[in-house]
Amino acid sequence: MNKQPVDLSTVRSEYINFPADFESVLIGTVSSDGLPDASYAAYLAHDKHYYVYVSELSKHTQNLRDTGKASLLFIESESECQHLFARRRVTLACEVEEVFRWCRHFDLIMDQFTGKFGQFLNVLKSFNDFHLFKITPQKGVYVRGFGQAYAFGGESLEMVKHLNEGHRAERKTSSRSLPLQAPSS
């Protein structure tokens, strides 16, 4: 089998542009007690950062405030993918900081949110239980399909590495793993 070499500049371009296909993002957070939470929020991309405007009623808001960390996931729709086990996706490990209402940057970003999502944001902006967070990616992974996973790192996530170590046929069971048992008949 003669495989063509991968053009990493094309991969990098796909990685950068993939999140633009979405208006919301899946967010993974952890509480200060170590409890994981998965959620989503509408987002805005601006100047190599992502912004979410979220309510205190959501667990992820307190988690973002407490830990300053999040994982973002942009993933191809099940209905559009070629194979369910190889959906295109970008996963980002991020640092998070709150943008306070008294900051000039708050109004700039909220104006962009309103431009993207409509005047409804002006109503949400008046609710004091909502908070704006600036999310800065530190590293990421882009999966294009089977055998096509790429790690991104560096200051502007410009460094690309093809994750081509391959899969192992057998893996030792960790202390946290349970062996699978067939259901009894």
C-alpha atoms as a PDB file:
ATOM      1  CA  MET A   1       0.000   0.000   0.000  1.00  0.00           C
ATOM      2  CA  ASN A   2       1.436   3.372  -1.055  1.00  0.00           C
ATOM      3  CA  LYS A   3       0.352   6.110   1.324  1.00  0.00           C
ATOM      4  CA  GLN A   4       0.698   9.738   0.334  1.00  0.00           C
ATOM      5  CA  PRO A   5       2.589  11.938   2.823  1.00  0.00           C
ATOM      6  CA  VAL A   6       0.352  14.148   4.921  1.00  0.00           C
ATOM      7  CA  ASP A   7       0.483  17.878   4.189  1.00  0.00           C
ATOM      8  CA  LEU A   8       0.671  19.310   7.712  1.00  0.00           C
ATOM      9  CA  SER A   9      -0.145  22.835   6.523  1.00  0.00           C
ATOM     10  CA  THR A  10      -3.475  21.520   5.193  1.00  0.00           C
ATOM     11  CA  VAL A  11      -4.103  19.717   8.474  1.00  0.00           C
ATOM     12  CA  ARG A  12      -3.309  22.904  10.414  1.00  0.00           C
ATOM     13  CA  SER A  13      -5.693  24.924   8.232  1.00  0.00           C
ATOM     14  CA  GLU A  14      -8.485  22.373   8.750  1.00  0.00           C
ATOM     15  CA  TYR A  15      -7.812  22.382  12.509  1.00  0.00           C
ATOM     16  CA  ILE A  16      -8.002  26.170  12.714  1.00  0.00           C
ATOM     17  CA  ASN A  17     -11.151  26.442  10.589  1.00  0.00           C
ATOM     18  CA  PHE A  18     -13.130  23.445  11.899  1.00  0.00           C
ATOM     19  CA  PRO A  19     -14.626  25.237  14.972  1.00  0.00           C
ATOM     20  CA  ALA A  20     -16.058  27.950  12.691  1.00  0.00           C
ATOM     21  CA  ASP A  21     -18.638  25.385  11.522  1.00  0.00           C
ATOM     22  CA  PHE A  22     -20.289  25.521  14.972  1.00  0.00           C
ATOM     23  CA  GLU A  23     -22.228  28.082  16.987  1.00  0.00           C
ATOM     24  CA  SER A  24     -21.922  26.131  20.222  1.00  0.00           C
ATOM     25  CA  VAL A  25     -19.210  24.080  21.881  1.00  0.00           C
ATOM     26  CA  LEU A  26     -19.200  21.132  24.266  1.00  0.00           C
ATOM     27  CA  ILE A  27     -17.452  22.020  27.528  1.00  0.00           C
ATOM     28  CA  GLY A  28     -15.806  19.644  29.962  1.00  0.00           C
ATOM     29  CA  THR A  29     -15.091  21.004  33.440  1.00  0.00           C
ATOM     30  CA  VAL A  30     -14.221  19.657  36.858  1.00  0.00           C
ATOM     31  CA  SER A  31     -15.441  21.000  40.179  1.00  0.00           C
ATOM     32  CA  SER A  32     -13.082  21.938  43.002  1.00  0.00           C
ATOM     33  CA  ASP A  33     -14.121  18.573  44.530  1.00  0.00           C
ATOM     34  CA  GLY A  34     -12.981  16.742  41.401  1.00  0.00           C
ATOM     35  CA  LEU A  35     -16.464  15.974  40.039  1.00  0.00           C
ATOM     36  CA  PRO A  36     -16.583  16.088  36.235  1.00  0.00           C
ATOM     37  CA  ASP A  37     -19.290  17.910  34.314  1.00  0.00           C
ATOM     38  CA  ALA A  38     -20.119  17.983  30.612  1.00  0.00           C
ATOM     39  CA  SER A  39     -22.214  20.755  29.121  1.00  0.00           C
ATOM     40  CA  TYR A  40     -22.373  23.128  26.188  1.00  0.00           C
ATOM     41  CA  ALA A  41     -22.622  26.824  25.477  1.00  0.00           C
ATOM     42  CA  ALA A  42     -22.904  29.193  22.557  1.00  0.00           C
ATOM     43  CA  TYR A  43     -19.471  30.608  21.881  1.00  0.00           C
ATOM     44  CA  LEU A  44     -17.656  33.406  20.134  1.00  0.00           C
ATOM     45  CA  ALA A  45     -14.143  33.180  18.670  1.00  0.00           C
ATOM     46  CA  HIS A  46     -12.073  36.357  18.866  1.00  0.00           C
ATOM     47  CA  ASP A  47      -8.329  36.951  18.562  1.00  0.00           C
ATOM     48  CA  LYS A  48      -7.285  33.288  19.150  1.00  0.00           C
ATOM     49  CA  HIS A  49      -9.566  32.957  22.186  1.00  0.00           C
ATOM     50  CA  TYR A  50     -13.038  31.533  22.709  1.00  0.00           C
ATOM     51  CA  TYR A  51     -15.676  33.261  24.824  1.00  0.00           C
ATOM     52  CA  VAL A  52     -18.760  31.854  26.518  1.00  0.00           C
ATOM     53  CA  TYR A  53     -21.451  33.779  28.363  1.00  0.00           C
ATOM     54  CA  VAL A  54     -23.014  31.442  30.903  1.00  0.00           C
ATOM     55  CA  SER A  55     -25.366  31.458  33.889  1.00  0.00           C
ATOM     56  CA  GLU A  56     -24.542  30.664  37.509  1.00  0.00           C
ATOM     57  CA  LEU A  57     -27.406  28.147  37.341  1.00  0.00           C
ATOM     58  CA  SER A  58     -25.103  25.888  35.300  1.00  0.00           C
ATOM     59  CA  LYS A  59     -22.516  23.769  37.104  1.00  0.00           C
ATOM     60  CA  HIS A  60     -19.886  24.593  34.523  1.00  0.00           C
ATOM     61  CA  THR A  61     -19.979  28.284  35.474  1.00  0.00           C
ATOM     62  CA  GLN A  62     -18.839  27.640  39.034  1.00  0.00           C
ATOM     63  CA  ASN A  63     -16.326  25.071  37.798  1.00  0.00           C
ATOM     64  CA  LEU A  64     -14.823  27.600  35.384  1.00  0.00           C
ATOM     65  CA  ARG A  65     -14.584  30.162  38.184  1.00  0.00           C
ATOM     66  CA  ASP A  66     -13.082  27.706  40.678  1.00  0.00           C
ATOM     67  CA  THR A  67     -10.514  25.901  38.526  1.00  0.00           C
ATOM     68  CA  GLY A  68      -9.742  28.194  35.604  1.00  0.00           C
ATOM     69  CA  LYS A  69      -9.596  25.155  33.307  1.00  0.00           C
ATOM     70  CA  ALA A  70     -11.816  23.592  30.680  1.00  0.00           C
ATOM     71  CA  SER A  71     -11.790  21.215  27.769  1.00  0.00           C
ATOM     72  CA  LEU A  72     -13.615  22.268  24.604  1.00  0.00           C
ATOM     73  CA  LEU A  73     -14.928  19.782  22.056  1.00  0.00           C
ATOM     74  CA  PHE A  74     -16.079  20.619  18.551  1.00  0.00           C
ATOM     75  CA  ILE A  75     -17.368  17.410  16.935  1.00  0.00           C
ATOM     76  CA  GLU A  76     -18.861  16.566  13.578  1.00  0.00           C
ATOM     77  CA  SER A  77     -22.565  15.723  13.565  1.00  0.00           C
ATOM     78  CA  GLU A  78     -23.451  12.032  13.617  1.00  0.00           C
ATOM     79  CA  SER A  79     -25.717  12.593  10.619  1.00  0.00           C
ATOM     80  CA  GLU A  80     -22.872  14.082   8.556  1.00  0.00           C
ATOM     81  CA  CYS A  81     -19.978  11.781   9.452  1.00  0.00           C
ATOM     82  CA  GLN A  82     -18.656   9.017   7.215  1.00  0.00           C
ATOM     83  CA  HIS A  83     -18.182   6.668  10.156  1.00  0.00           C
ATOM     84  CA  LEU A  84     -19.505   6.978  13.696  1.00  0.00           C
ATOM     85  CA  PHE A  85     -16.211   5.792  15.225  1.00  0.00           C
ATOM     86  CA  ALA A  86     -14.157   8.341  13.306  1.00  0.00           C
ATOM     87  CA  ARG A  87     -16.063  11.616  13.591  1.00  0.00           C
ATOM     88  CA  ARG A  88     -13.969  14.673  12.811  1.00  0.00           C
ATOM     89  CA  ARG A  89     -13.310  16.634  15.983  1.00  0.00           C
ATOM     90  CA  VAL A  90     -11.147  19.200  17.693  1.00  0.00           C
ATOM     91  CA  THR A  91     -10.461  18.879  21.418  1.00  0.00           C
ATOM     92  CA  LEU A  92      -8.769  21.752  23.239  1.00  0.00           C
ATOM     93  CA  ALA A  93      -7.210  21.859  26.714  1.00  0.00           C
ATOM     94  CA  CYS A  94      -7.721  25.435  27.916  1.00  0.00           C
ATOM     95  CA  GLU A  95      -7.007  28.024  30.560  1.00  0.00           C
ATOM     96  CA  VAL A  96     -10.015  30.133  31.579  1.00  0.00           C
ATOM     97  CA  GLU A  97     -10.396  33.598  33.054  1.00  0.00           C
ATOM     98  CA  GLU A  98     -13.475  35.633  33.792  1.00  0.00           C
ATOM     99  CA  VAL A  99     -13.993  38.918  31.964  1.00  0.00           C
ATOM    100  CA  PHE A 100     -15.667  41.190  34.487  1.00  0.00           C
ATOM    101  CA  ARG A 101     -18.492  43.579  33.585  1.00  0.00           C
ATOM    102  CA  TRP A 102     -16.492  46.661  34.530  1.00  0.00           C
ATOM    103  CA  CYS A 103     -13.787  45.819  31.954  1.00  0.00           C
ATOM    104  CA  ARG A 104     -13.921  47.593  28.604  1.00  0.00           C
ATOM    105  CA  HIS A 105     -13.222  44.220  26.987  1.00  0.00           C
ATOM    106  CA  PHE A 106     -16.559  42.930  28.354  1.00  0.00           C
ATOM    107  CA  ASP A 107     -18.563  45.408  26.238  1.00  0.00           C
ATOM    108  CA  LEU A 108     -16.452  44.726  23.143  1.00  0.00           C
ATOM    109  CA  ILE A 109     -17.032  40.968  23.348  1.00  0.00           C
ATOM    110  CA  MET A 110     -20.706  41.279  24.289  1.00  0.00           C
ATOM    111  CA  ASP A 111     -21.268  43.551  21.267  1.00  0.00           C
ATOM    112  CA  GLN A 112     -19.787  40.794  19.105  1.00  0.00           C
ATOM    113  CA  PHE A 113     -22.023  38.205  20.796  1.00  0.00           C
ATOM    114  CA  THR A 114     -25.029  40.407  19.989  1.00  0.00           C
ATOM    115  CA  GLY A 115     -23.862  40.739  16.386  1.00  0.00           C
ATOM    116  CA  LYS A 116     -23.545  36.967  16.060  1.00  0.00           C
ATOM    117  CA  PHE A 117     -26.603  35.806  18.021  1.00  0.00           C
ATOM    118  CA  GLY A 118     -28.995  38.762  17.879  1.00  0.00           C
ATOM    119  CA  GLN A 119     -30.618  41.260  20.220  1.00  0.00           C
ATOM    120  CA  PHE A 120     -31.621  38.526  22.666  1.00  0.00           C
ATOM    121  CA  LEU A 121     -28.092  38.863  24.069  1.00  0.00           C
ATOM    122  CA  ASN A 122     -28.983  42.336  25.333  1.00  0.00           C
ATOM    123  CA  VAL A 123     -31.581  40.708  27.584  1.00  0.00           C
ATOM    124  CA  LEU A 124     -29.055  38.161  28.865  1.00  0.00           C
ATOM    125  CA  LYS A 125     -26.487  40.907  29.346  1.00  0.00           C
ATOM    126  CA  SER A 126     -28.801  42.523  31.909  1.00  0.00           C
ATOM    127  CA  PHE A 127     -28.868  39.354  34.044  1.00  0.00           C
ATOM    128  CA  ASN A 128     -26.229  39.584  36.763  1.00  0.00           C
ATOM    129  CA  ASP A 129     -26.043  35.801  37.188  1.00  0.00           C
ATOM    130  CA  PHE A 130     -24.410  35.529  33.743  1.00  0.00           C
ATOM    131  CA  HIS A 131     -20.641  35.612  33.421  1.00  0.00           C
ATOM    132  CA  LEU A 132     -18.322  36.068  30.459  1.00  0.00           C
ATOM    133  CA  PHE A 133     -15.288  33.788  30.256  1.00  0.00           C
ATOM    134  CA  LYS A 134     -12.245  34.069  28.024  1.00  0.00           C
ATOM    135  CA  ILE A 135     -11.006  30.586  27.126  1.00  0.00           C
ATOM    136  CA  THR A 136      -7.454  30.251  25.828  1.00  0.00           C
ATOM    137  CA  PRO A 137      -6.357  26.967  24.211  1.00  0.00           C
ATOM    138  CA  GLN A 138      -3.038  25.591  25.489  1.00  0.00           C
ATOM    139  CA  LYS A 139      -2.915  22.464  23.336  1.00  0.00           C
ATOM    140  CA  GLY A 140      -5.241  20.516  21.139  1.00  0.00           C
ATOM    141  CA  VAL A 141      -5.936  17.406  19.109  1.00  0.00           C
ATOM    142  CA  TYR A 142      -7.575  17.267  15.689  1.00  0.00           C
ATOM    143  CA  VAL A 143      -8.977  13.954  14.455  1.00  0.00           C
ATOM    144  CA  ARG A 144      -9.692  13.783  10.721  1.00  0.00           C
ATOM    145  CA  GLY A 145     -10.613  10.086  10.706  1.00  0.00           C
ATOM    146  CA  PHE A 146      -9.076   6.663  11.312  1.00  0.00           C
ATOM    147  CA  GLY A 147      -5.305   6.936  11.774  1.00  0.00           C
ATOM    148  CA  GLN A 148      -5.468  10.688  11.263  1.00  0.00           C
ATOM    149  CA  ALA A 149      -5.011  12.277  14.676  1.00  0.00           C
ATOM    150  CA  TYR A 150      -2.805  15.346  15.103  1.00  0.00           C
ATOM    151  CA  ALA A 151      -1.562  17.064  18.238  1.00  0.00           C
ATOM    152  CA  PHE A 152      -1.152  20.839  18.285  1.00  0.00           C
ATOM    153  CA  GLY A 153       1.019  22.797  20.689  1.00  0.00           C
ATOM    154  CA  GLY A 154       3.296  25.770  21.016  1.00  0.00           C
ATOM    155  CA  GLU A 155       2.509  29.372  21.807  1.00  0.00           C
ATOM    156  CA  SER A 156      -0.033  29.823  19.014  1.00  0.00           C
ATOM    157  CA  LEU A 157      -0.741  26.107  18.559  1.00  0.00           C
ATOM    158  CA  GLU A 158       1.360  26.242  15.397  1.00  0.00           C
ATOM    159  CA  MET A 159       3.323  23.045  16.091  1.00  0.00           C
ATOM    160  CA  VAL A 160       1.695  19.983  14.520  1.00  0.00           C
ATOM    161  CA  LYS A 161       2.534  16.345  15.217  1.00  0.00           C
ATOM    162  CA  HIS A 162       0.917  13.351  13.558  1.00  0.00           C
ATOM    163  CA  LEU A 163      -0.070  10.917  16.317  1.00  0.00           C
ATOM    164  CA  ASN A 164       0.824   7.774  14.423  1.00  0.00           C
ATOM    165  CA  GLU A 165       2.089   5.408  17.097  1.00  0.00           C
ATOM    166  CA  GLY A 166      -0.771   3.094  16.238  1.00  0.00           C
ATOM    167  CA  HIS A 167      -3.089   1.006  18.347  1.00  0.00           C
ATOM    168  CA  ARG A 168      -2.070  -1.870  20.553  1.00  0.00           C
ATOM    169  CA  ALA A 169      -3.929  -5.131  20.250  1.00  0.00           C
ATOM    170  CA  GLU A 170      -3.919  -5.826  23.972  1.00  0.00           C
ATOM    171  CA  ARG A 171      -3.675  -3.544  26.932  1.00  0.00           C
ATOM    172  CA  LYS A 172      -2.989  -4.392  30.547  1.00  0.00           C
ATOM    173  CA  THR A 173      -5.912  -3.801  32.881  1.00  0.00           C
ATOM    174  CA  SER A 174      -5.376  -0.869  35.213  1.00  0.00           C
ATOM    175  CA  SER A 175      -6.477  -0.863  38.815  1.00  0.00           C
ATOM    176  CA  ARG A 176      -9.455   1.262  37.736  1.00  0.00           C
ATOM    177  CA  SER A 177     -10.528  -1.050  34.915  1.00  0.00           C
ATOM    178  CA  LEU A 178     -12.960  -3.892  35.235  1.00  0.00           C
ATOM    179  CA  PRO A 179     -12.835  -6.917  32.954  1.00  0.00           C
ATOM    180  CA  LEU A 180     -15.842  -7.187  30.684  1.00  0.00           C
ATOM    181  CA  GLN A 181     -18.042 -10.169  31.307  1.00  0.00           C
ATOM    182  CA  ALA A 182     -20.537 -11.576  28.880  1.00  0.00           C
ATOM    183  CA  PRO A 183     -24.120 -11.373  30.106  1.00  0.00           C
ATOM    184  CA  SER A 184     -25.318 -14.682  31.516  1.00  0.00           C
ATOM    185  CA  SER A 185     -27.996 -16.438  29.508  1.00  0.00           C
END
